Amino acid sequence: MPTRNMKTTIAKVGEVQQRWYVVDAANQTLGRFANRIAVILMGKHKPIYTPNVDTGDFVVVLNAGKIRVTGKKRQTKEYEWYTGYHAGRHVYTFEEMMAKHPTKPVEEAIRLMLPKTRLGRAMFSKLKVYAGTEHPHQAQNPEPLKLAVR
C-alpha cells in the first residue's frame, strides 16, 4: 500500500505574516459585522490557523459611528459595568453609548466574540476602531476589505 506524505502545518509565533486591513462599518449590522471582524482577528480565515498562536491580522474599522442595529435594540440594548464602589453601577443604552462613545459598541461586540484569555487580549489589541473616516495607520498600507452586506 502506498504511503502518502500528508503533513499538518502548525504556525509558529515568529513565522506568521500579519497583514493590515481597513473596513468601513457604515450601514453594517453590528452583530454580523463584529463576527466577520472577529474571524479576521483570530486568523480563522487563513489555512495556517492554529488555535494557540495569534495568526490573525490587524483591522482598522472606520465609520463606527454609523453602525446600525435591527429591531428595538437602539433603545433597549444596554451596556453595563460596575466601578466597585457602592452604587457604582453604570448602565447606558445603545443610543446613549453611541452619543458618548461611538466606537464602544463595535469594540465591545468584537471583544466578546474573541477568546477570554491572554491570547484573546492580544488579538483584541490588533483592532483599531475610529468613529470617522480618518485614521493614523497610513504607514502600514492597509488593504481595503469588502464585507458583504446582508
N, C-alpha and C. Protein backbone atom coordinates (compact mmCIF):
# COMPACT_ATOMS: atom_id res chain seq x y z
N MET A 1 0.83 -1.17 0.00
CA MET A 1 0.00 0.00 0.00
C MET A 1 0.89 1.24 0.00
N PRO A 2 0.64 2.18 -0.92
CA PRO A 2 1.49 3.37 -0.98
C PRO A 2 1.20 4.31 0.19
N THR A 3 2.24 4.95 0.68
CA THR A 3 2.08 5.90 1.78
C THR A 3 1.99 7.31 1.21
N ARG A 4 1.19 8.10 1.83
CA ARG A 4 1.05 9.49 1.41
C ARG A 4 1.87 10.37 2.34
N ASN A 5 2.37 11.41 1.80
CA ASN A 5 3.15 12.36 2.59
C ASN A 5 2.23 13.51 2.97
N MET A 6 1.38 13.28 3.97
CA MET A 6 0.45 14.31 4.42
C MET A 6 0.97 14.88 5.73
N LYS A 7 1.19 16.18 5.74
CA LYS A 7 1.72 16.81 6.93
C LYS A 7 0.79 17.92 7.39
N THR A 8 0.63 18.04 8.67
CA THR A 8 -0.14 19.12 9.25
C THR A 8 0.82 20.25 9.59
N THR A 9 0.54 21.43 9.08
CA THR A 9 1.41 22.56 9.39
C THR A 9 0.86 23.28 10.62
N ILE A 10 1.75 23.59 11.52
CA ILE A 10 1.39 24.31 12.74
C ILE A 10 2.15 25.63 12.73
N ALA A 11 1.42 26.70 12.90
CA ALA A 11 2.03 28.03 12.86
C ALA A 11 2.93 28.24 14.08
N LYS A 12 4.05 28.86 13.84
CA LYS A 12 4.97 29.23 14.91
C LYS A 12 4.82 30.74 15.14
N VAL A 13 5.15 31.18 16.33
CA VAL A 13 4.92 32.57 16.72
C VAL A 13 5.63 33.56 15.79
N GLY A 14 6.84 33.35 15.43
CA GLY A 14 7.59 34.30 14.62
C GLY A 14 7.37 34.17 13.12
N GLU A 15 6.71 33.11 12.66
CA GLU A 15 6.58 32.85 11.23
C GLU A 15 5.31 33.41 10.60
N VAL A 16 4.38 33.91 11.40
CA VAL A 16 3.09 34.33 10.88
C VAL A 16 3.20 35.70 10.23
N GLN A 17 2.72 35.80 8.99
CA GLN A 17 2.68 37.08 8.27
C GLN A 17 1.36 37.76 8.59
N GLN A 18 1.41 38.91 9.25
CA GLN A 18 0.19 39.63 9.62
C GLN A 18 0.02 40.83 8.69
N ARG A 19 -1.18 40.91 8.10
CA ARG A 19 -1.50 41.99 7.18
C ARG A 19 -2.40 43.00 7.87
N TRP A 20 -2.54 44.16 7.25
CA TRP A 20 -3.40 45.21 7.76
C TRP A 20 -4.58 45.38 6.80
N TYR A 21 -5.78 45.45 7.36
CA TYR A 21 -6.99 45.66 6.57
C TYR A 21 -7.71 46.88 7.10
N VAL A 22 -8.39 47.59 6.22
CA VAL A 22 -9.25 48.70 6.61
C VAL A 22 -10.66 48.36 6.15
N VAL A 23 -11.64 48.53 7.07
CA VAL A 23 -13.02 48.14 6.82
C VAL A 23 -13.93 49.31 7.13
N ASP A 24 -14.93 49.52 6.29
CA ASP A 24 -15.92 50.56 6.50
C ASP A 24 -17.14 49.95 7.18
N ALA A 25 -17.53 50.48 8.33
CA ALA A 25 -18.64 49.93 9.10
C ALA A 25 -19.97 50.63 8.83
N ALA A 26 -19.98 51.61 7.93
CA ALA A 26 -21.21 52.36 7.67
C ALA A 26 -22.29 51.44 7.12
N ASN A 27 -23.48 51.52 7.71
CA ASN A 27 -24.66 50.75 7.32
C ASN A 27 -24.49 49.24 7.43
N GLN A 28 -23.57 48.79 8.27
CA GLN A 28 -23.42 47.36 8.54
C GLN A 28 -24.20 47.02 9.81
N THR A 29 -24.73 45.81 9.89
CA THR A 29 -25.41 45.36 11.09
C THR A 29 -24.35 44.96 12.12
N LEU A 30 -24.51 45.42 13.35
CA LEU A 30 -23.48 45.30 14.38
C LEU A 30 -23.01 43.86 14.61
N GLY A 31 -23.90 42.94 14.86
CA GLY A 31 -23.51 41.57 15.19
C GLY A 31 -22.83 40.84 14.05
N ARG A 32 -23.39 40.95 12.86
CA ARG A 32 -22.80 40.29 11.70
C ARG A 32 -21.43 40.88 11.38
N PHE A 33 -21.32 42.18 11.48
CA PHE A 33 -20.06 42.87 11.23
C PHE A 33 -19.00 42.43 12.25
N ALA A 34 -19.39 42.40 13.52
CA ALA A 34 -18.46 42.03 14.59
C ALA A 34 -17.98 40.59 14.41
N ASN A 35 -18.86 39.71 13.96
CA ASN A 35 -18.47 38.32 13.76
C ASN A 35 -17.42 38.19 12.67
N ARG A 36 -17.60 38.91 11.57
CA ARG A 36 -16.62 38.83 10.47
C ARG A 36 -15.27 39.40 10.87
N ILE A 37 -15.29 40.48 11.66
CA ILE A 37 -14.03 41.08 12.11
C ILE A 37 -13.33 40.16 13.12
N ALA A 38 -14.10 39.53 14.01
CA ALA A 38 -13.51 38.62 14.99
C ALA A 38 -12.82 37.44 14.30
N VAL A 39 -13.39 36.94 13.23
CA VAL A 39 -12.78 35.84 12.48
C VAL A 39 -11.44 36.27 11.90
N ILE A 40 -11.36 37.50 11.39
CA ILE A 40 -10.11 38.01 10.83
C ILE A 40 -9.07 38.22 11.93
N LEU A 41 -9.49 38.75 13.09
CA LEU A 41 -8.56 38.98 14.20
C LEU A 41 -8.00 37.66 14.73
N MET A 42 -8.82 36.60 14.74
CA MET A 42 -8.36 35.30 15.23
C MET A 42 -7.51 34.57 14.19
N GLY A 43 -7.68 34.91 12.91
CA GLY A 43 -6.93 34.24 11.87
C GLY A 43 -7.61 33.01 11.32
N LYS A 44 -8.89 32.84 11.60
CA LYS A 44 -9.61 31.65 11.13
C LYS A 44 -9.84 31.66 9.63
N HIS A 45 -9.60 32.78 8.97
CA HIS A 45 -9.74 32.85 7.52
C HIS A 45 -8.50 32.35 6.79
N LYS A 46 -7.45 32.00 7.54
CA LYS A 46 -6.20 31.56 6.94
C LYS A 46 -6.08 30.03 7.02
N PRO A 47 -5.45 29.41 6.03
CA PRO A 47 -5.27 27.96 6.10
C PRO A 47 -4.26 27.53 7.17
N ILE A 48 -3.44 28.46 7.65
CA ILE A 48 -2.43 28.13 8.65
C ILE A 48 -2.94 28.34 10.08
N TYR A 49 -4.25 28.56 10.25
CA TYR A 49 -4.84 28.84 11.57
C TYR A 49 -4.43 27.77 12.58
N THR A 50 -3.94 28.24 13.72
CA THR A 50 -3.60 27.38 14.84
C THR A 50 -4.23 28.01 16.08
N PRO A 51 -5.01 27.24 16.86
CA PRO A 51 -5.76 27.83 17.98
C PRO A 51 -4.90 28.49 19.06
N ASN A 52 -3.69 28.00 19.28
CA ASN A 52 -2.88 28.54 20.37
C ASN A 52 -1.84 29.55 19.92
N VAL A 53 -1.92 30.02 18.66
CA VAL A 53 -1.00 31.02 18.14
C VAL A 53 -1.82 32.14 17.52
N ASP A 54 -1.38 33.36 17.72
CA ASP A 54 -2.08 34.52 17.16
C ASP A 54 -1.75 34.62 15.67
N THR A 55 -2.61 34.06 14.83
CA THR A 55 -2.39 34.06 13.38
C THR A 55 -3.22 35.13 12.68
N GLY A 56 -3.93 35.95 13.43
CA GLY A 56 -4.83 36.94 12.85
C GLY A 56 -4.13 38.15 12.29
N ASP A 57 -4.92 38.98 11.64
CA ASP A 57 -4.43 40.20 11.01
C ASP A 57 -4.90 41.43 11.78
N PHE A 58 -4.30 42.57 11.46
CA PHE A 58 -4.71 43.85 12.04
C PHE A 58 -5.92 44.37 11.27
N VAL A 59 -6.86 44.97 11.97
CA VAL A 59 -8.07 45.50 11.33
C VAL A 59 -8.30 46.93 11.81
N VAL A 60 -8.47 47.85 10.86
CA VAL A 60 -8.82 49.24 11.15
C VAL A 60 -10.27 49.42 10.73
N VAL A 61 -11.14 49.76 11.68
CA VAL A 61 -12.56 49.94 11.40
C VAL A 61 -12.86 51.43 11.34
N LEU A 62 -13.44 51.87 10.23
CA LEU A 62 -13.81 53.26 10.05
C LEU A 62 -15.33 53.41 10.11
N ASN A 63 -15.79 54.61 10.39
CA ASN A 63 -17.22 54.93 10.45
C ASN A 63 -17.97 54.06 11.46
N ALA A 64 -17.38 53.83 12.61
CA ALA A 64 -18.04 53.03 13.65
C ALA A 64 -19.28 53.75 14.18
N GLY A 65 -19.34 55.04 14.05
CA GLY A 65 -20.50 55.79 14.50
C GLY A 65 -21.72 55.62 13.60
N LYS A 66 -21.53 54.99 12.44
CA LYS A 66 -22.64 54.79 11.50
C LYS A 66 -23.11 53.33 11.46
N ILE A 67 -22.70 52.55 12.45
CA ILE A 67 -23.13 51.15 12.52
C ILE A 67 -24.62 51.12 12.86
N ARG A 68 -25.32 50.08 12.42
CA ARG A 68 -26.75 50.03 12.71
C ARG A 68 -27.10 48.74 13.45
N VAL A 69 -28.22 48.78 14.14
CA VAL A 69 -28.76 47.60 14.81
C VAL A 69 -30.20 47.42 14.34
N THR A 70 -30.71 46.21 14.47
CA THR A 70 -32.06 45.92 13.99
C THR A 70 -33.05 45.93 15.15
N GLY A 71 -34.31 46.01 14.81
CA GLY A 71 -35.37 45.94 15.82
C GLY A 71 -35.33 47.14 16.76
N LYS A 72 -35.65 46.88 18.04
CA LYS A 72 -35.68 47.94 19.05
C LYS A 72 -34.39 48.03 19.86
N LYS A 73 -33.32 47.42 19.35
CA LYS A 73 -32.07 47.40 20.10
C LYS A 73 -31.52 48.79 20.37
N ARG A 74 -31.80 49.74 19.51
CA ARG A 74 -31.29 51.10 19.71
C ARG A 74 -31.75 51.66 21.05
N GLN A 75 -32.98 51.32 21.49
CA GLN A 75 -33.49 51.83 22.76
C GLN A 75 -33.35 50.81 23.90
N THR A 76 -33.30 49.51 23.61
CA THR A 76 -33.35 48.50 24.67
C THR A 76 -32.01 47.86 24.99
N LYS A 77 -31.07 47.81 24.06
CA LYS A 77 -29.77 47.18 24.32
C LYS A 77 -29.01 48.02 25.33
N GLU A 78 -28.48 47.36 26.38
CA GLU A 78 -27.81 48.08 27.45
C GLU A 78 -26.35 47.64 27.60
N TYR A 79 -25.52 48.60 27.94
CA TYR A 79 -24.11 48.36 28.27
C TYR A 79 -23.96 48.70 29.74
N GLU A 80 -23.45 47.75 30.51
CA GLU A 80 -23.43 47.90 31.96
C GLU A 80 -22.04 47.56 32.49
N TRP A 81 -21.61 48.29 33.51
CA TRP A 81 -20.40 47.94 34.24
C TRP A 81 -20.50 48.47 35.65
N TYR A 82 -19.66 47.93 36.50
CA TYR A 82 -19.69 48.27 37.92
C TYR A 82 -18.32 48.77 38.31
N THR A 83 -18.27 49.92 38.99
CA THR A 83 -16.99 50.54 39.32
C THR A 83 -16.32 49.90 40.52
N GLY A 84 -17.08 49.22 41.36
CA GLY A 84 -16.53 48.64 42.58
C GLY A 84 -16.93 49.42 43.81
N TYR A 85 -17.45 50.62 43.62
CA TYR A 85 -17.93 51.44 44.73
C TYR A 85 -19.41 51.18 44.97
N HIS A 86 -19.87 51.57 46.14
CA HIS A 86 -21.29 51.48 46.46
C HIS A 86 -22.08 52.30 45.44
N ALA A 87 -23.12 51.76 44.91
CA ALA A 87 -23.95 52.41 43.90
C ALA A 87 -23.12 52.82 42.68
N GLY A 88 -22.13 52.03 42.35
CA GLY A 88 -21.25 52.34 41.23
C GLY A 88 -21.65 51.65 39.94
N ARG A 89 -22.89 51.25 39.82
CA ARG A 89 -23.38 50.58 38.62
C ARG A 89 -23.75 51.62 37.57
N HIS A 90 -23.20 51.47 36.37
CA HIS A 90 -23.49 52.37 35.27
C HIS A 90 -24.17 51.59 34.16
N VAL A 91 -25.26 52.11 33.65
CA VAL A 91 -25.99 51.47 32.57
C VAL A 91 -26.28 52.52 31.50
N TYR A 92 -25.89 52.22 30.26
CA TYR A 92 -26.17 53.08 29.12
C TYR A 92 -26.90 52.27 28.06
N THR A 93 -27.86 52.87 27.40
CA THR A 93 -28.49 52.21 26.26
C THR A 93 -27.58 52.37 25.05
N PHE A 94 -27.88 51.64 24.01
CA PHE A 94 -27.09 51.73 22.78
C PHE A 94 -27.08 53.17 22.25
N GLU A 95 -28.22 53.82 22.29
CA GLU A 95 -28.33 55.20 21.80
C GLU A 95 -27.43 56.15 22.61
N GLU A 96 -27.46 56.02 23.94
CA GLU A 96 -26.62 56.87 24.79
C GLU A 96 -25.14 56.58 24.58
N MET A 97 -24.81 55.32 24.42
CA MET A 97 -23.41 54.94 24.21
C MET A 97 -22.90 55.48 22.87
N MET A 98 -23.74 55.45 21.85
CA MET A 98 -23.32 55.98 20.56
C MET A 98 -23.13 57.50 20.62
N ALA A 99 -23.91 58.17 21.46
CA ALA A 99 -23.75 59.62 21.61
C ALA A 99 -22.48 59.96 22.36
N LYS A 100 -22.15 59.19 23.42
CA LYS A 100 -20.96 59.48 24.24
C LYS A 100 -19.68 58.90 23.63
N HIS A 101 -19.70 57.61 23.31
CA HIS A 101 -18.51 56.90 22.81
C HIS A 101 -18.92 56.07 21.58
N PRO A 102 -18.90 56.64 20.39
CA PRO A 102 -19.42 55.91 19.22
C PRO A 102 -18.62 54.67 18.84
N THR A 103 -17.41 54.51 19.35
CA THR A 103 -16.63 53.32 19.00
C THR A 103 -16.86 52.16 19.96
N LYS A 104 -17.38 52.43 21.15
CA LYS A 104 -17.52 51.40 22.18
C LYS A 104 -18.42 50.23 21.79
N PRO A 105 -19.61 50.44 21.21
CA PRO A 105 -20.44 49.28 20.86
C PRO A 105 -19.76 48.32 19.89
N VAL A 106 -19.03 48.85 18.92
CA VAL A 106 -18.32 47.99 17.98
C VAL A 106 -17.20 47.24 18.69
N GLU A 107 -16.43 47.94 19.53
CA GLU A 107 -15.34 47.30 20.26
C GLU A 107 -15.86 46.20 21.18
N GLU A 108 -16.94 46.48 21.91
CA GLU A 108 -17.49 45.50 22.84
C GLU A 108 -18.02 44.28 22.12
N ALA A 109 -18.71 44.48 21.01
CA ALA A 109 -19.27 43.35 20.26
C ALA A 109 -18.15 42.45 19.75
N ILE A 110 -17.07 43.03 19.26
CA ILE A 110 -15.96 42.24 18.75
C ILE A 110 -15.20 41.59 19.89
N ARG A 111 -14.94 42.32 20.98
CA ARG A 111 -14.19 41.78 22.11
C ARG A 111 -14.88 40.55 22.70
N LEU A 112 -16.20 40.60 22.79
CA LEU A 112 -16.93 39.48 23.38
C LEU A 112 -16.97 38.26 22.47
N MET A 113 -16.59 38.40 21.21
CA MET A 113 -16.53 37.26 20.30
C MET A 113 -15.14 36.64 20.23
N LEU A 114 -14.18 37.23 20.90
CA LEU A 114 -12.82 36.70 20.94
C LEU A 114 -12.63 35.83 22.17
N PRO A 115 -11.58 35.00 22.21
CA PRO A 115 -11.33 34.18 23.39
C PRO A 115 -11.08 35.04 24.63
N LYS A 116 -11.50 34.53 25.79
CA LYS A 116 -11.34 35.27 27.04
C LYS A 116 -10.03 34.87 27.73
N THR A 117 -8.91 34.98 27.02
CA THR A 117 -7.61 34.58 27.53
C THR A 117 -6.59 35.65 27.20
N ARG A 118 -5.33 35.40 27.56
CA ARG A 118 -4.26 36.31 27.18
C ARG A 118 -4.15 36.43 25.67
N LEU A 119 -4.35 35.32 24.99
CA LEU A 119 -4.30 35.33 23.53
C LEU A 119 -5.42 36.19 22.96
N GLY A 120 -6.61 36.11 23.56
CA GLY A 120 -7.74 36.93 23.12
C GLY A 120 -7.48 38.41 23.31
N ARG A 121 -6.83 38.76 24.42
CA ARG A 121 -6.49 40.16 24.65
C ARG A 121 -5.44 40.64 23.64
N ALA A 122 -4.53 39.76 23.25
CA ALA A 122 -3.54 40.12 22.23
C ALA A 122 -4.22 40.31 20.88
N MET A 123 -5.20 39.47 20.59
CA MET A 123 -5.95 39.61 19.34
C MET A 123 -6.73 40.92 19.33
N PHE A 124 -7.34 41.27 20.45
CA PHE A 124 -8.13 42.49 20.54
C PHE A 124 -7.27 43.72 20.38
N SER A 125 -6.00 43.65 20.78
CA SER A 125 -5.12 44.81 20.65
C SER A 125 -4.79 45.12 19.19
N LYS A 126 -5.09 44.19 18.28
CA LYS A 126 -4.85 44.43 16.86
C LYS A 126 -6.04 45.10 16.18
N LEU A 127 -7.07 45.43 16.95
CA LEU A 127 -8.24 46.10 16.42
C LEU A 127 -8.12 47.60 16.68
N LYS A 128 -8.31 48.40 15.65
CA LYS A 128 -8.28 49.87 15.76
C LYS A 128 -9.61 50.39 15.24
N VAL A 129 -10.39 51.04 16.10
CA VAL A 129 -11.72 51.49 15.73
C VAL A 129 -11.78 53.02 15.78
N TYR A 130 -12.34 53.63 14.73
CA TYR A 130 -12.47 55.07 14.65
C TYR A 130 -13.89 55.43 14.24
N ALA A 131 -14.42 56.52 14.82
CA ALA A 131 -15.79 56.93 14.55
C ALA A 131 -15.94 57.56 13.17
N GLY A 132 -14.90 58.19 12.67
CA GLY A 132 -14.96 58.87 11.38
C GLY A 132 -14.23 58.09 10.30
N THR A 133 -13.84 58.84 9.25
CA THR A 133 -13.18 58.20 8.11
C THR A 133 -11.66 58.33 8.13
N GLU A 134 -11.12 59.08 9.08
CA GLU A 134 -9.67 59.30 9.16
C GLU A 134 -9.04 58.33 10.15
N HIS A 135 -7.82 57.87 9.82
CA HIS A 135 -7.06 57.01 10.75
C HIS A 135 -5.57 57.27 10.57
N PRO A 136 -4.77 57.05 11.63
CA PRO A 136 -3.34 57.34 11.57
C PRO A 136 -2.48 56.14 11.14
N HIS A 137 -3.04 55.17 10.42
CA HIS A 137 -2.30 53.95 10.09
C HIS A 137 -1.98 53.86 8.60
N GLN A 138 -1.75 55.01 7.95
CA GLN A 138 -1.42 55.02 6.53
C GLN A 138 -0.06 54.38 6.26
N ALA A 139 0.86 54.47 7.21
CA ALA A 139 2.20 53.93 7.02
C ALA A 139 2.20 52.40 6.90
N GLN A 140 1.18 51.75 7.43
CA GLN A 140 1.10 50.29 7.37
C GLN A 140 0.49 49.80 6.06
N ASN A 141 0.07 50.72 5.21
CA ASN A 141 -0.57 50.40 3.92
C ASN A 141 -1.70 49.38 4.07
N PRO A 142 -2.76 49.72 4.80
CA PRO A 142 -3.84 48.76 4.98
C PRO A 142 -4.61 48.54 3.67
N GLU A 143 -4.94 47.28 3.43
CA GLU A 143 -5.70 46.93 2.23
C GLU A 143 -7.18 47.07 2.53
N PRO A 144 -7.96 47.62 1.59
CA PRO A 144 -9.40 47.69 1.84
C PRO A 144 -10.01 46.29 1.82
N LEU A 145 -10.88 46.02 2.77
CA LEU A 145 -11.52 44.72 2.88
C LEU A 145 -13.02 44.94 2.72
N LYS A 146 -13.60 44.33 1.71
CA LYS A 146 -15.02 44.49 1.41
C LYS A 146 -15.78 43.35 2.07
N LEU A 147 -16.70 43.71 2.97
CA LEU A 147 -17.55 42.71 3.62
C LEU A 147 -18.92 42.76 2.96
N ALA A 148 -19.49 41.60 2.72
CA ALA A 148 -20.81 41.54 2.09
C ALA A 148 -21.87 42.06 3.05
N VAL A 149 -22.77 42.88 2.56
CA VAL A 149 -23.86 43.42 3.37
C VAL A 149 -25.05 42.50 3.25
N ARG A 150 -25.56 42.03 4.38
CA ARG A 150 -26.75 41.18 4.37
C ARG A 150 -27.89 41.88 5.00
